[in-house]
Amino acid sequence: MVELTFVLLLVMNGEKVEYTPYPSLSECLSIRRKIHRNVGYSEKWSCKELKVKIEDGNILEIVE
């Protein structure tokens, strides 16, 4: 199923390395803040609203 959702992205060298869907922007930003506190600040982590193909709660593909 393709849906519009908020995604926490880890981008390294211009490639999307890791991505996790969240139902709301506030939840996505909350997780990003926890990562920044525990790992250190990095602009590599970002929350974006994207169209993604999801199955069983996992992102199969980002639809551009």
C-alpha atoms as a PDB file:
ATOM      1  CA  MET A   1       0.000   0.000   0.000  1.00  0.00           C
ATOM      2  CA  VAL A   2       1.312   3.465  -0.889  1.00  0.00           C
ATOM      3  CA  GLU A   3       0.695   6.167   1.693  1.00  0.00           C
ATOM      4  CA  LEU A   4       1.903   9.608   2.706  1.00  0.00           C
ATOM      5  CA  THR A   5       3.649   9.404   6.086  1.00  0.00           C
ATOM      6  CA  PHE A   6       6.433  10.990   8.111  1.00  0.00           C
ATOM      7  CA  VAL A   7       9.776   9.235   7.751  1.00  0.00           C
ATOM      8  CA  LEU A   8      12.901   9.507   9.895  1.00  0.00           C
ATOM      9  CA  LEU A   9      15.785   9.397   7.398  1.00  0.00           C
ATOM     10  CA  LEU A  10      19.485   8.760   7.861  1.00  0.00           C
ATOM     11  CA  VAL A  11      21.331  10.114   4.814  1.00  0.00           C
ATOM     12  CA  MET A  12      25.039   9.435   4.312  1.00  0.00           C
ATOM     13  CA  ASN A  13      27.010  10.422   1.207  1.00  0.00           C
ATOM     14  CA  GLY A  14      23.757  11.403  -0.508  1.00  0.00           C
ATOM     15  CA  GLU A  15      22.201   7.948  -0.066  1.00  0.00           C
ATOM     16  CA  LYS A  16      19.251   7.048   2.150  1.00  0.00           C
ATOM     17  CA  VAL A  17      20.794   4.486   4.490  1.00  0.00           C
ATOM     18  CA  GLU A  18      17.981   3.994   6.982  1.00  0.00           C
ATOM     19  CA  TYR A  19      14.343   5.072   7.086  1.00  0.00           C
ATOM     20  CA  THR A  20      11.564   4.466   9.594  1.00  0.00           C
ATOM     21  CA  PRO A  21       7.887   5.505   9.247  1.00  0.00           C
ATOM     22  CA  TYR A  22       6.011   7.391  11.981  1.00  0.00           C
ATOM     23  CA  PRO A  23       2.314   8.324  12.131  1.00  0.00           C
ATOM     24  CA  SER A  24       2.952  11.948  13.157  1.00  0.00           C
ATOM     25  CA  LEU A  25       5.595  14.631  12.792  1.00  0.00           C
ATOM     26  CA  SER A  26       5.812  15.107  16.561  1.00  0.00           C
ATOM     27  CA  GLU A  27       6.674  11.430  17.125  1.00  0.00           C
ATOM     28  CA  CYS A  28       9.312  11.537  14.370  1.00  0.00           C
ATOM     29  CA  LEU A  29      10.919  14.676  15.814  1.00  0.00           C
ATOM     30  CA  SER A  30      10.842  13.192  19.320  1.00  0.00           C
ATOM     31  CA  ILE A  31      12.844  10.154  18.174  1.00  0.00           C
ATOM     32  CA  ARG A  32      15.272  12.391  16.249  1.00  0.00           C
ATOM     33  CA  ARG A  33      15.884  14.487  19.399  1.00  0.00           C
ATOM     34  CA  LYS A  34      16.620  11.310  21.393  1.00  0.00           C
ATOM     35  CA  ILE A  35      19.139  10.221  18.751  1.00  0.00           C
ATOM     36  CA  HIS A  36      20.816  13.649  18.850  1.00  0.00           C
ATOM     37  CA  ARG A  37      21.069  13.505  22.658  1.00  0.00           C
ATOM     38  CA  ASN A  38      22.514   9.981  22.729  1.00  0.00           C
ATOM     39  CA  VAL A  39      24.684   9.974  19.614  1.00  0.00           C
ATOM     40  CA  GLY A  40      25.415  13.664  19.115  1.00  0.00           C
ATOM     41  CA  TYR A  41      24.035  16.264  16.753  1.00  0.00           C
ATOM     42  CA  SER A  42      24.155  15.362  13.109  1.00  0.00           C
ATOM     43  CA  GLU A  43      22.362  16.886  10.151  1.00  0.00           C
ATOM     44  CA  LYS A  44      22.267  13.405   8.654  1.00  0.00           C
ATOM     45  CA  TRP A  45      19.012  12.614  10.519  1.00  0.00           C
ATOM     46  CA  SER A  46      15.863  14.333   9.270  1.00  0.00           C
ATOM     47  CA  CYS A  47      12.077  13.961   9.377  1.00  0.00           C
ATOM     48  CA  LYS A  48      10.262  14.330   6.069  1.00  0.00           C
ATOM     49  CA  GLU A  49       6.765  13.676   4.807  1.00  0.00           C
ATOM     50  CA  LEU A  50       7.155  11.196   1.944  1.00  0.00           C
ATOM     51  CA  LYS A  51       5.086   8.845  -0.190  1.00  0.00           C
ATOM     52  CA  VAL A  52       6.219   5.318   0.655  1.00  0.00           C
ATOM     53  CA  LYS A  53       5.185   1.780  -0.122  1.00  0.00           C
ATOM     54  CA  ILE A  54       4.525   0.066   3.234  1.00  0.00           C
ATOM     55  CA  GLU A  55       3.860  -3.582   4.037  1.00  0.00           C
ATOM     56  CA  ASP A  56       3.490  -4.932   7.609  1.00  0.00           C
ATOM     57  CA  GLY A  57       4.708  -1.602   9.055  1.00  0.00           C
ATOM     58  CA  ASN A  58       7.978  -1.668   7.101  1.00  0.00           C
ATOM     59  CA  ILE A  59       8.952   0.634   4.243  1.00  0.00           C
ATOM     60  CA  LEU A  60       9.564  -1.364   1.097  1.00  0.00           C
ATOM     61  CA  GLU A  61      10.247   1.576  -1.183  1.00  0.00           C
ATOM     62  CA  ILE A  62      10.235   5.373  -1.208  1.00  0.00           C
ATOM     63  CA  VAL A  63       8.014   6.604  -4.035  1.00  0.00           C
ATOM     64  CA  GLU A  64       9.371   9.867  -5.437  1.00  0.00           C
END
